Amino acid sequence: PLLEMAHRHPEVVCAMHQGMIDTVLEPGQSADLLPFAEPDACL
């Protein structure tokens, strides 16, 4: 959702996205976001 800004400030924007992801996890789940882990995707 914020790709251009994520390239300029990945540590901040990806932390925001990690926080967003935290809110949609199901009970008992946790998740680690790996920014720009693949040529065409984050993991």
PDB file of all heavy atoms in Angstrom:
ATOM      1  N   PRO A   1       0.798  -1.228   0.000  1.00  0.00           N
ATOM      2  CA  PRO A   1       0.000   0.000   0.000  1.00  0.00           C
ATOM      3  C   PRO A   1       0.831   1.279   0.000  1.00  0.00           C
ATOM      4  O   PRO A   1       0.326   2.331  -0.372  1.00  0.00           O
ATOM      5  CB  PRO A   1      -0.822  -0.106   1.299  1.00  0.00           C
ATOM      6  CG  PRO A   1      -0.763  -1.535   1.687  1.00  0.00           C
ATOM      7  CD  PRO A   1       0.555  -2.043   1.195  1.00  0.00           C
ATOM      8  N   LEU A   2       2.084   1.193   0.420  1.00  0.00           N
ATOM      9  CA  LEU A   2       2.935   2.392   0.505  1.00  0.00           C
ATOM     10  C   LEU A   2       4.307   2.093  -0.086  1.00  0.00           C
ATOM     11  O   LEU A   2       5.343   2.378   0.531  1.00  0.00           O
ATOM     12  CB  LEU A   2       3.086   2.842   1.968  1.00  0.00           C
ATOM     13  CG  LEU A   2       1.816   3.300   2.685  1.00  0.00           C
ATOM     14  CD1 LEU A   2       2.096   3.527   4.166  1.00  0.00           C
ATOM     15  CD2 LEU A   2       1.256   4.566   2.057  1.00  0.00           C
ATOM     16  N   LEU A   3       4.318   1.566  -1.295  1.00  0.00           N
ATOM     17  CA  LEU A   3       5.559   1.030  -1.847  1.00  0.00           C
ATOM     18  C   LEU A   3       6.651   2.089  -1.992  1.00  0.00           C
ATOM     19  O   LEU A   3       7.792   1.864  -1.571  1.00  0.00           O
ATOM     20  CB  LEU A   3       5.285   0.382  -3.204  1.00  0.00           C
ATOM     21  CG  LEU A   3       6.509  -0.249  -3.873  1.00  0.00           C
ATOM     22  CD1 LEU A   3       7.078  -1.375  -3.027  1.00  0.00           C
ATOM     23  CD2 LEU A   3       6.160  -0.744  -5.267  1.00  0.00           C
ATOM     24  N   GLU A   4       6.322   3.240  -2.616  1.00  0.00           N
ATOM     25  CA  GLU A   4       7.357   4.246  -2.849  1.00  0.00           C
ATOM     26  C   GLU A   4       7.971   4.713  -1.539  1.00  0.00           C
ATOM     27  O   GLU A   4       9.192   4.863  -1.422  1.00  0.00           O
ATOM     28  CB  GLU A   4       6.772   5.432  -3.623  1.00  0.00           C
ATOM     29  CG  GLU A   4       6.368   5.119  -5.054  1.00  0.00           C
ATOM     30  CD  GLU A   4       4.999   4.476  -5.169  1.00  0.00           C
ATOM     31  OE1 GLU A   4       4.327   4.288  -4.110  1.00  0.00           O
ATOM     32  OE2 GLU A   4       4.586   4.174  -6.295  1.00  0.00           O
ATOM     33  N   MET A   5       7.138   4.925  -0.534  1.00  0.00           N
ATOM     34  CA  MET A   5       7.633   5.369   0.765  1.00  0.00           C
ATOM     35  C   MET A   5       8.413   4.257   1.470  1.00  0.00           C
ATOM     36  O   MET A   5       9.384   4.521   2.187  1.00  0.00           O
ATOM     37  CB  MET A   5       6.470   5.839   1.632  1.00  0.00           C
ATOM     38  CG  MET A   5       6.880   6.753   2.766  1.00  0.00           C
ATOM     39  SD  MET A   5       5.442   7.511   3.536  1.00  0.00           S
ATOM     40  CE  MET A   5       4.789   8.441   2.149  1.00  0.00           C
ATOM     41  N   ALA A   6       8.003   3.011   1.241  1.00  0.00           N
ATOM     42  CA  ALA A   6       8.724   1.890   1.841  1.00  0.00           C
ATOM     43  C   ALA A   6      10.137   1.786   1.282  1.00  0.00           C
ATOM     44  O   ALA A   6      11.070   1.398   1.996  1.00  0.00           O
ATOM     45  CB  ALA A   6       7.962   0.587   1.599  1.00  0.00           C
ATOM     46  N   HIS A   7      10.333   2.143   0.025  1.00  0.00           N
ATOM     47  CA  HIS A   7      11.686   2.151  -0.537  1.00  0.00           C
ATOM     48  C   HIS A   7      12.535   3.261   0.094  1.00  0.00           C
ATOM     49  O   HIS A   7      13.736   3.081   0.293  1.00  0.00           O
ATOM     50  CB  HIS A   7      11.623   2.344  -2.053  1.00  0.00           C
ATOM     51  CG  HIS A   7      11.306   1.092  -2.817  1.00  0.00           C
ATOM     52  ND1 HIS A   7      12.087  -0.038  -2.760  1.00  0.00           N
ATOM     53  CD2 HIS A   7      10.280   0.791  -3.652  1.00  0.00           C
ATOM     54  CE1 HIS A   7      11.573  -0.982  -3.526  1.00  0.00           C
ATOM     55  NE2 HIS A   7      10.474  -0.499  -4.078  1.00  0.00           N
ATOM     56  N   ARG A   8      11.913   4.398   0.416  1.00  0.00           N
ATOM     57  CA  ARG A   8      12.674   5.516   0.996  1.00  0.00           C
ATOM     58  C   ARG A   8      12.934   5.312   2.485  1.00  0.00           C
ATOM     59  O   ARG A   8      14.003   5.674   2.980  1.00  0.00           O
ATOM     60  CB  ARG A   8      11.918   6.832   0.775  1.00  0.00           C
ATOM     61  CG  ARG A   8      11.836   7.259  -0.676  1.00  0.00           C
ATOM     62  CD  ARG A   8      11.378   8.693  -0.803  1.00  0.00           C
ATOM     63  NE  ARG A   8      10.018   8.901  -0.329  1.00  0.00           N
ATOM     64  CZ  ARG A   8       8.940   8.755  -1.089  1.00  0.00           C
ATOM     65  NH1 ARG A   8       9.063   8.367  -2.351  1.00  0.00           N
ATOM     66  NH2 ARG A   8       7.730   8.988  -0.600  1.00  0.00           N
ATOM     67  N   HIS A   9      11.958   4.756   3.209  1.00  0.00           N
ATOM     68  CA  HIS A   9      12.084   4.590   4.655  1.00  0.00           C
ATOM     69  C   HIS A   9      11.617   3.189   5.054  1.00  0.00           C
ATOM     70  O   HIS A   9      10.606   3.026   5.737  1.00  0.00           O
ATOM     71  CB  HIS A   9      11.256   5.645   5.397  1.00  0.00           C
ATOM     72  CG  HIS A   9      11.511   7.051   4.965  1.00  0.00           C
ATOM     73  ND1 HIS A   9      12.670   7.728   5.313  1.00  0.00           N
ATOM     74  CD2 HIS A   9      10.776   7.905   4.217  1.00  0.00           C
ATOM     75  CE1 HIS A   9      12.622   8.947   4.797  1.00  0.00           C
ATOM     76  NE2 HIS A   9      11.499   9.077   4.125  1.00  0.00           N
ATOM     77  N   PRO A  10      12.333   2.147   4.625  1.00  0.00           N
ATOM     78  CA  PRO A  10      11.829   0.780   4.846  1.00  0.00           C
ATOM     79  C   PRO A  10      11.669   0.426   6.317  1.00  0.00           C
ATOM     80  O   PRO A  10      10.716  -0.266   6.681  1.00  0.00           O
ATOM     81  CB  PRO A  10      12.896  -0.093   4.167  1.00  0.00           C
ATOM     82  CG  PRO A  10      14.121   0.763   4.093  1.00  0.00           C
ATOM     83  CD  PRO A  10      13.630   2.165   3.924  1.00  0.00           C
ATOM     84  N   GLU A  11      12.578   0.907   7.175  1.00  0.00           N
ATOM     85  CA  GLU A  11      12.504   0.517   8.581  1.00  0.00           C
ATOM     86  C   GLU A  11      11.225   1.020   9.233  1.00  0.00           C
ATOM     87  O   GLU A  11      10.604   0.334  10.061  1.00  0.00           O
ATOM     88  CB  GLU A  11      13.744   1.018   9.348  1.00  0.00           C
ATOM     89  CG  GLU A  11      13.873   2.535   9.505  1.00  0.00           C
ATOM     90  CD  GLU A  11      14.237   3.279   8.238  1.00  0.00           C
ATOM     91  OE1 GLU A  11      14.624   2.634   7.244  1.00  0.00           O
ATOM     92  OE2 GLU A  11      14.127   4.522   8.231  1.00  0.00           O
ATOM     93  N   VAL A  12      10.781   2.217   8.863  1.00  0.00           N
ATOM     94  CA  VAL A  12       9.582   2.798   9.468  1.00  0.00           C
ATOM     95  C   VAL A  12       8.318   2.253   8.817  1.00  0.00           C
ATOM     96  O   VAL A  12       7.397   1.790   9.496  1.00  0.00           O
ATOM     97  CB  VAL A  12       9.617   4.338   9.364  1.00  0.00           C
ATOM     98  CG1 VAL A  12       8.289   4.936   9.792  1.00  0.00           C
ATOM     99  CG2 VAL A  12      10.749   4.899  10.206  1.00  0.00           C
ATOM    100  N   VAL A  13       8.253   2.295   7.493  1.00  0.00           N
ATOM    101  CA  VAL A  13       7.030   1.879   6.795  1.00  0.00           C
ATOM    102  C   VAL A  13       6.772   0.390   6.991  1.00  0.00           C
ATOM    103  O   VAL A  13       5.630  -0.030   7.212  1.00  0.00           O
ATOM    104  CB  VAL A  13       7.117   2.233   5.299  1.00  0.00           C
ATOM    105  CG1 VAL A  13       5.908   1.693   4.552  1.00  0.00           C
ATOM    106  CG2 VAL A  13       7.212   3.744   5.122  1.00  0.00           C
ATOM    107  N   CYS A  14       7.808  -0.417   6.947  1.00  0.00           N
ATOM    108  CA  CYS A  14       7.612  -1.856   7.130  1.00  0.00           C
ATOM    109  C   CYS A  14       7.215  -2.172   8.576  1.00  0.00           C
ATOM    110  O   CYS A  14       6.487  -3.135   8.823  1.00  0.00           O
ATOM    111  CB  CYS A  14       8.860  -2.619   6.719  1.00  0.00           C
ATOM    112  SG  CYS A  14       9.224  -2.462   4.940  1.00  0.00           S
ATOM    113  N   ALA A  15       7.663  -1.346   9.533  1.00  0.00           N
ATOM    114  CA  ALA A  15       7.201  -1.515  10.913  1.00  0.00           C
ATOM    115  C   ALA A  15       5.712  -1.184  11.019  1.00  0.00           C
ATOM    116  O   ALA A  15       4.957  -1.862  11.733  1.00  0.00           O
ATOM    117  CB  ALA A  15       8.014  -0.631  11.857  1.00  0.00           C
ATOM    118  N   MET A  16       5.275  -0.144  10.302  1.00  0.00           N
ATOM    119  CA  MET A  16       3.839   0.158  10.265  1.00  0.00           C
ATOM    120  C   MET A  16       3.066  -1.014   9.693  1.00  0.00           C
ATOM    121  O   MET A  16       2.015  -1.419  10.219  1.00  0.00           O
ATOM    122  CB  MET A  16       3.582   1.398   9.418  1.00  0.00           C
ATOM    123  CG  MET A  16       4.014   2.713  10.022  1.00  0.00           C
ATOM    124  SD  MET A  16       3.538   4.084   8.913  1.00  0.00           S
ATOM    125  CE  MET A  16       4.293   5.471   9.785  1.00  0.00           C
ATOM    126  N   HIS A  17       3.581  -1.591   8.614  1.00  0.00           N
ATOM    127  CA  HIS A  17       2.891  -2.714   7.994  1.00  0.00           C
ATOM    128  C   HIS A  17       2.901  -3.940   8.903  1.00  0.00           C
ATOM    129  O   HIS A  17       1.927  -4.695   8.936  1.00  0.00           O
ATOM    130  CB  HIS A  17       3.529  -3.035   6.644  1.00  0.00           C
ATOM    131  CG  HIS A  17       3.178  -2.029   5.589  1.00  0.00           C
ATOM    132  ND1 HIS A  17       3.886  -1.910   4.403  1.00  0.00           N
ATOM    133  CD2 HIS A  17       2.200  -1.094   5.532  1.00  0.00           C
ATOM    134  CE1 HIS A  17       3.347  -0.949   3.684  1.00  0.00           C
ATOM    135  NE2 HIS A  17       2.340  -0.444   4.345  1.00  0.00           N
ATOM    136  N   GLN A  18       3.987  -4.130   9.646  1.00  0.00           N
ATOM    137  CA  GLN A  18       4.003  -5.232  10.609  1.00  0.00           C
ATOM    138  C   GLN A  18       2.899  -5.034  11.641  1.00  0.00           C
ATOM    139  O   GLN A  18       2.198  -5.978  12.014  1.00  0.00           O
ATOM    140  CB  GLN A  18       5.362  -5.307  11.303  1.00  0.00           C
ATOM    141  CG  GLN A  18       5.458  -6.370  12.390  1.00  0.00           C
ATOM    142  CD  GLN A  18       5.543  -7.784  11.853  1.00  0.00           C
ATOM    143  OE1 GLN A  18       6.503  -8.154  11.208  1.00  0.00           O
ATOM    144  NE2 GLN A  18       4.507  -8.582  12.124  1.00  0.00           N
ATOM    145  N   GLY A  19       2.725  -3.785  12.085  1.00  0.00           N
ATOM    146  CA  GLY A  19       1.652  -3.493  13.032  1.00  0.00           C
ATOM    147  C   GLY A  19       0.281  -3.749  12.436  1.00  0.00           C
ATOM    148  O   GLY A  19      -0.613  -4.293  13.107  1.00  0.00           O
ATOM    149  N   MET A  20       0.087  -3.365  11.161  1.00  0.00           N
ATOM    150  CA  MET A  20      -1.182  -3.650  10.496  1.00  0.00           C
ATOM    151  C   MET A  20      -1.431  -5.150  10.436  1.00  0.00           C
ATOM    152  O   MET A  20      -2.543  -5.631  10.707  1.00  0.00           O
ATOM    153  CB  MET A  20      -1.165  -3.077   9.073  1.00  0.00           C
ATOM    154  CG  MET A  20      -1.205  -1.570   8.983  1.00  0.00           C
ATOM    155  SD  MET A  20      -1.084  -0.997   7.267  1.00  0.00           S
ATOM    156  CE  MET A  20      -2.679  -1.508   6.620  1.00  0.00           C
ATOM    157  N   ILE A  21      -0.391  -5.892  10.075  1.00  0.00           N
ATOM    158  CA  ILE A  21      -0.525  -7.344   9.966  1.00  0.00           C
ATOM    159  C   ILE A  21      -0.879  -7.953  11.312  1.00  0.00           C
ATOM    160  O   ILE A  21      -1.670  -8.903  11.394  1.00  0.00           O
ATOM    161  CB  ILE A  21       0.773  -7.940   9.390  1.00  0.00           C
ATOM    162  CG1 ILE A  21       0.904  -7.567   7.911  1.00  0.00           C
ATOM    163  CG2 ILE A  21       0.825  -9.451   9.578  1.00  0.00           C
ATOM    164  CD1 ILE A  21       2.266  -7.854   7.312  1.00  0.00           C
ATOM    165  N   ASP A  22      -0.321  -7.404  12.380  1.00  0.00           N
ATOM    166  CA  ASP A  22      -0.623  -7.923  13.719  1.00  0.00           C
ATOM    167  C   ASP A  22      -2.121  -7.946  13.994  1.00  0.00           C
ATOM    168  O   ASP A  22      -2.622  -8.820  14.711  1.00  0.00           O
ATOM    169  CB  ASP A  22       0.068  -7.067  14.789  1.00  0.00           C
ATOM    170  CG  ASP A  22       1.582  -7.233  14.784  1.00  0.00           C
ATOM    171  OD1 ASP A  22       2.083  -8.209  14.192  1.00  0.00           O
ATOM    172  OD2 ASP A  22       2.269  -6.367  15.371  1.00  0.00           O
ATOM    173  N   THR A  23      -2.845  -6.980  13.421  1.00  0.00           N
ATOM    174  CA  THR A  23      -4.275  -6.864  13.736  1.00  0.00           C
ATOM    175  C   THR A  23      -5.136  -7.877  12.994  1.00  0.00           C
ATOM    176  O   THR A  23      -6.310  -8.048  13.347  1.00  0.00           O
ATOM    177  CB  THR A  23      -4.790  -5.448  13.398  1.00  0.00           C
ATOM    178  OG1 THR A  23      -4.732  -5.229  11.979  1.00  0.00           O
ATOM    179  CG2 THR A  23      -3.977  -4.389  14.119  1.00  0.00           C
ATOM    180  N   VAL A  24      -4.605  -8.533  11.962  1.00  0.00           N
ATOM    181  CA  VAL A  24      -5.410  -9.502  11.216  1.00  0.00           C
ATOM    182  C   VAL A  24      -4.967 -10.940  11.482  1.00  0.00           C
ATOM    183  O   VAL A  24      -5.498 -11.874  10.872  1.00  0.00           O
ATOM    184  CB  VAL A  24      -5.379  -9.212   9.694  1.00  0.00           C
ATOM    185  CG1 VAL A  24      -6.048  -7.896   9.408  1.00  0.00           C
ATOM    186  CG2 VAL A  24      -3.972  -9.233   9.142  1.00  0.00           C
ATOM    187  N   LEU A  25      -4.004 -11.123  12.376  1.00  0.00           N
ATOM    188  CA  LEU A  25      -3.603 -12.484  12.747  1.00  0.00           C
ATOM    189  C   LEU A  25      -4.718 -13.152  13.537  1.00  0.00           C
ATOM    190  O   LEU A  25      -5.445 -12.513  14.302  1.00  0.00           O
ATOM    191  CB  LEU A  25      -2.325 -12.451  13.589  1.00  0.00           C
ATOM    192  CG  LEU A  25      -1.049 -12.017  12.864  1.00  0.00           C
ATOM    193  CD1 LEU A  25       0.080 -11.828  13.874  1.00  0.00           C
ATOM    194  CD2 LEU A  25      -0.649 -13.039  11.807  1.00  0.00           C
ATOM    195  N   GLU A  26      -4.847 -14.443  13.342  1.00  0.00           N
ATOM    196  CA  GLU A  26      -5.840 -15.195  14.077  1.00  0.00           C
ATOM    197  C   GLU A  26      -5.303 -15.537  15.463  1.00  0.00           C
ATOM    198  O   GLU A  26      -4.080 -15.508  15.696  1.00  0.00           O
ATOM    199  CB  GLU A  26      -6.206 -16.452  13.289  1.00  0.00           C
ATOM    200  CG  GLU A  26      -6.847 -16.130  11.935  1.00  0.00           C
ATOM    201  CD  GLU A  26      -7.111 -17.362  11.101  1.00  0.00           C
ATOM    202  OE1 GLU A  26      -6.883 -18.479  11.608  1.00  0.00           O
ATOM    203  OE2 GLU A  26      -7.541 -17.206   9.939  1.00  0.00           O
ATOM    204  N   PRO A  27      -6.187 -15.830  16.418  1.00  0.00           N
ATOM    205  CA  PRO A  27      -5.742 -16.147  17.781  1.00  0.00           C
ATOM    206  C   PRO A  27      -4.686 -17.250  17.786  1.00  0.00           C
ATOM    207  O   PRO A  27      -4.828 -18.257  17.105  1.00  0.00           O
ATOM    208  CB  PRO A  27      -7.027 -16.606  18.478  1.00  0.00           C
ATOM    209  CG  PRO A  27      -8.121 -15.900  17.731  1.00  0.00           C
ATOM    210  CD  PRO A  27      -7.662 -15.845  16.304  1.00  0.00           C
ATOM    211  N   GLY A  28      -3.619 -17.021  18.544  1.00  0.00           N
ATOM    212  CA  GLY A  28      -2.547 -18.002  18.637  1.00  0.00           C
ATOM    213  C   GLY A  28      -1.478 -17.860  17.570  1.00  0.00           C
ATOM    214  O   GLY A  28      -0.488 -18.590  17.595  1.00  0.00           O
ATOM    215  N   GLN A  29      -1.650 -16.942  16.650  1.00  0.00           N
ATOM    216  CA  GLN A  29      -0.667 -16.745  15.589  1.00  0.00           C
ATOM    217  C   GLN A  29       0.246 -15.557  15.894  1.00  0.00           C
ATOM    218  O   GLN A  29      -0.145 -14.603  16.555  1.00  0.00           O
ATOM    219  CB  GLN A  29      -1.349 -16.492  14.242  1.00  0.00           C
ATOM    220  CG  GLN A  29      -2.042 -17.679  13.638  1.00  0.00           C
ATOM    221  CD  GLN A  29      -2.656 -17.341  12.288  1.00  0.00           C
ATOM    222  OE1 GLN A  29      -3.053 -16.206  12.040  1.00  0.00           O
ATOM    223  NE2 GLN A  29      -2.757 -18.346  11.419  1.00  0.00           N
ATOM    224  N   SER A  30       1.475 -15.645  15.379  1.00  0.00           N
ATOM    225  CA  SER A  30       2.375 -14.502  15.318  1.00  0.00           C
ATOM    226  C   SER A  30       3.001 -14.524  13.921  1.00  0.00           C
ATOM    227  O   SER A  30       2.918 -15.527  13.209  1.00  0.00           O
ATOM    228  CB  SER A  30       3.456 -14.577  16.409  1.00  0.00           C
ATOM    229  OG  SER A  30       4.252 -15.740  16.230  1.00  0.00           O
ATOM    230  N   ALA A  31       3.597 -13.422  13.534  1.00  0.00           N
ATOM    231  CA  ALA A  31       4.138 -13.365  12.170  1.00  0.00           C
ATOM    232  C   ALA A  31       5.339 -12.446  12.112  1.00  0.00           C
ATOM    233  O   ALA A  31       5.425 -11.454  12.851  1.00  0.00           O
ATOM    234  CB  ALA A  31       3.069 -12.900  11.183  1.00  0.00           C
ATOM    235  N   ASP A  32       6.271 -12.786  11.244  1.00  0.00           N
ATOM    236  CA  ASP A  32       7.432 -11.940  10.960  1.00  0.00           C
ATOM    237  C   ASP A  32       7.343 -11.485   9.510  1.00  0.00           C
ATOM    238  O   ASP A  32       7.185 -12.303   8.596  1.00  0.00           O
ATOM    239  CB  ASP A  32       8.739 -12.725  11.171  1.00  0.00           C
ATOM    240  CG  ASP A  32       8.920 -13.149  12.619  1.00  0.00           C
ATOM    241  OD1 ASP A  32       8.631 -12.333  13.512  1.00  0.00           O
ATOM    242  OD2 ASP A  32       9.348 -14.301  12.853  1.00  0.00           O
ATOM    243  N   LEU A  33       7.462 -10.187   9.307  1.00  0.00           N
ATOM    244  CA  LEU A  33       7.462  -9.624   7.969  1.00  0.00           C
ATOM    245  C   LEU A  33       8.896  -9.473   7.497  1.00  0.00           C
ATOM    246  O   LEU A  33       9.728  -8.877   8.181  1.00  0.00           O
ATOM    247  CB  LEU A  33       6.761  -8.254   7.971  1.00  0.00           C
ATOM    248  CG  LEU A  33       6.753  -7.491   6.644  1.00  0.00           C
ATOM    249  CD1 LEU A  33       5.996  -8.267   5.570  1.00  0.00           C
ATOM    250  CD2 LEU A  33       6.127  -6.109   6.848  1.00  0.00           C
ATOM    251  N   LEU A  34       9.204 -10.024   6.326  1.00  0.00           N
ATOM    252  CA  LEU A  34      10.536  -9.944   5.731  1.00  0.00           C
ATOM    253  C   LEU A  34      10.457  -9.051   4.499  1.00  0.00           C
ATOM    254  O   LEU A  34      10.086  -9.501   3.408  1.00  0.00           O
ATOM    255  CB  LEU A  34      11.039 -11.337   5.357  1.00  0.00           C
ATOM    256  CG  LEU A  34      11.039 -12.380   6.485  1.00  0.00           C
ATOM    257  CD1 LEU A  34      11.513 -13.728   5.969  1.00  0.00           C
ATOM    258  CD2 LEU A  34      11.880 -11.915   7.661  1.00  0.00           C
ATOM    259  N   PRO A  35      10.779  -7.760   4.645  1.00  0.00           N
ATOM    260  CA  PRO A  35      10.601  -6.821   3.530  1.00  0.00           C
ATOM    261  C   PRO A  35      11.516  -7.135   2.347  1.00  0.00           C
ATOM    262  O   PRO A  35      12.685  -7.491   2.516  1.00  0.00           O
ATOM    263  CB  PRO A  35      10.963  -5.467   4.148  1.00  0.00           C
ATOM    264  CG  PRO A  35      10.837  -5.658   5.626  1.00  0.00           C
ATOM    265  CD  PRO A  35      11.217  -7.083   5.870  1.00  0.00           C
ATOM    266  N   PHE A  36      10.957  -7.018   1.146  1.00  0.00           N
ATOM    267  CA  PHE A  36      11.710  -7.144  -0.105  1.00  0.00           C
ATOM    268  C   PHE A  36      12.537  -8.435  -0.147  1.00  0.00           C
ATOM    269  O   PHE A  36      13.660  -8.452  -0.635  1.00  0.00           O
ATOM    270  CB  PHE A  36      12.614  -5.939  -0.310  1.00  0.00           C
ATOM    271  CG  PHE A  36      11.899  -4.619  -0.155  1.00  0.00           C
ATOM    272  CD1 PHE A  36      12.184  -3.770   0.902  1.00  0.00           C
ATOM    273  CD2 PHE A  36      10.932  -4.236  -1.073  1.00  0.00           C
ATOM    274  CE1 PHE A  36      11.516  -2.563   1.049  1.00  0.00           C
ATOM    275  CE2 PHE A  36      10.259  -3.030  -0.934  1.00  0.00           C
ATOM    276  CZ  PHE A  36      10.549  -2.188   0.119  1.00  0.00           C
ATOM    277  N   ALA A  37      11.954  -9.515   0.364  1.00  0.00           N
ATOM    278  CA  ALA A  37      12.697 -10.773   0.458  1.00  0.00           C
ATOM    279  C   ALA A  37      12.836 -11.467  -0.888  1.00  0.00           C
ATOM    280  O   ALA A  37      13.744 -12.287  -1.067  1.00  0.00           O
ATOM    281  CB  ALA A  37      12.001 -11.702   1.450  1.00  0.00           C
ATOM    282  N   GLU A  38      11.953 -11.172  -1.837  1.00  0.00           N
ATOM    283  CA  GLU A  38      11.992 -11.795  -3.151  1.00  0.00           C
ATOM    284  C   GLU A  38      11.982 -10.706  -4.222  1.00  0.00           C
ATOM    285  O   GLU A  38      11.631  -9.558  -3.936  1.00  0.00           O
ATOM    286  CB  GLU A  38      10.794 -12.735  -3.326  1.00  0.00           C
ATOM    287  CG  GLU A  38      10.817 -13.921  -2.368  1.00  0.00           C
ATOM    288  CD  GLU A  38       9.683 -14.901  -2.656  1.00  0.00           C
ATOM    289  OE1 GLU A  38       8.841 -14.610  -3.544  1.00  0.00           O
ATOM    290  OE2 GLU A  38       9.640 -15.943  -1.996  1.00  0.00           O
ATOM    291  N   PRO A  39      12.335 -11.065  -5.453  1.00  0.00           N
ATOM    292  CA  PRO A  39      12.361 -10.049  -6.517  1.00  0.00           C
ATOM    293  C   PRO A  39      11.027  -9.345  -6.728  1.00  0.00           C
ATOM    294  O   PRO A  39      10.983  -8.184  -7.113  1.00  0.00           O
ATOM    295  CB  PRO A  39      12.767 -10.850  -7.754  1.00  0.00           C
ATOM    296  CG  PRO A  39      13.547 -12.000  -7.203  1.00  0.00           C
ATOM    297  CD  PRO A  39      12.891 -12.348  -5.903  1.00  0.00           C
ATOM    298  N   ASP A  40       9.917 -10.060  -6.448  1.00  0.00           N
ATOM    299  CA  ASP A  40       8.612  -9.458  -6.705  1.00  0.00           C
ATOM    300  C   ASP A  40       7.677  -9.539  -5.502  1.00  0.00           C
ATOM    301  O   ASP A  40       6.456  -9.434  -5.654  1.00  0.00           O
ATOM    302  CB  ASP A  40       7.944 -10.119  -7.908  1.00  0.00           C
ATOM    303  CG  ASP A  40       7.736 -11.625  -7.702  1.00  0.00           C
ATOM    304  OD1 ASP A  40       8.277 -12.174  -6.718  1.00  0.00           O
ATOM    305  OD2 ASP A  40       7.033 -12.236  -8.518  1.00  0.00           O
ATOM    306  N   ALA A  41       8.227  -9.708  -4.314  1.00  0.00           N
ATOM    307  CA  ALA A  41       7.338  -9.863  -3.155  1.00  0.00           C
ATOM    308  C   ALA A  41       8.096  -9.666  -1.849  1.00  0.00           C
ATOM    309  O   ALA A  41       9.314  -9.841  -1.770  1.00  0.00           O
ATOM    310  CB  ALA A  41       6.703 -11.257  -3.155  1.00  0.00           C
ATOM    311  N   CYS A  42       7.337  -9.278  -0.829  1.00  0.00           N
ATOM    312  CA  CYS A  42       7.790  -9.423   0.552  1.00  0.00           C
ATOM    313  C   CYS A  42       7.302 -10.775   1.063  1.00  0.00           C
ATOM    314  O   CYS A  42       6.381 -11.375   0.498  1.00  0.00           O
ATOM    315  CB  CYS A  42       7.223  -8.306   1.432  1.00  0.00           C
ATOM    316  SG  CYS A  42       7.796  -6.639   0.978  1.00  0.00           S
ATOM    317  N   LEU A  43       7.915 -11.256   2.120  1.00  0.00           N
ATOM    318  CA  LEU A  43       7.505 -12.538   2.697  1.00  0.00           C
ATOM    319  C   LEU A  43       7.000 -12.329   4.114  1.00  0.00           C
ATOM    320  O   LEU A  43       7.523 -11.509   4.864  1.00  0.00           O
ATOM    321  CB  LEU A  43       8.672 -13.521   2.735  1.00  0.00           C
ATOM    322  CG  LEU A  43       8.934 -14.406   1.527  1.00  0.00           C
ATOM    323  CD1 LEU A  43      10.100 -15.355   1.816  1.00  0.00           C
ATOM    324  CD2 LEU A  43       7.698 -15.206   1.118  1.00  0.00           C
TER     325      LEU A  43
END
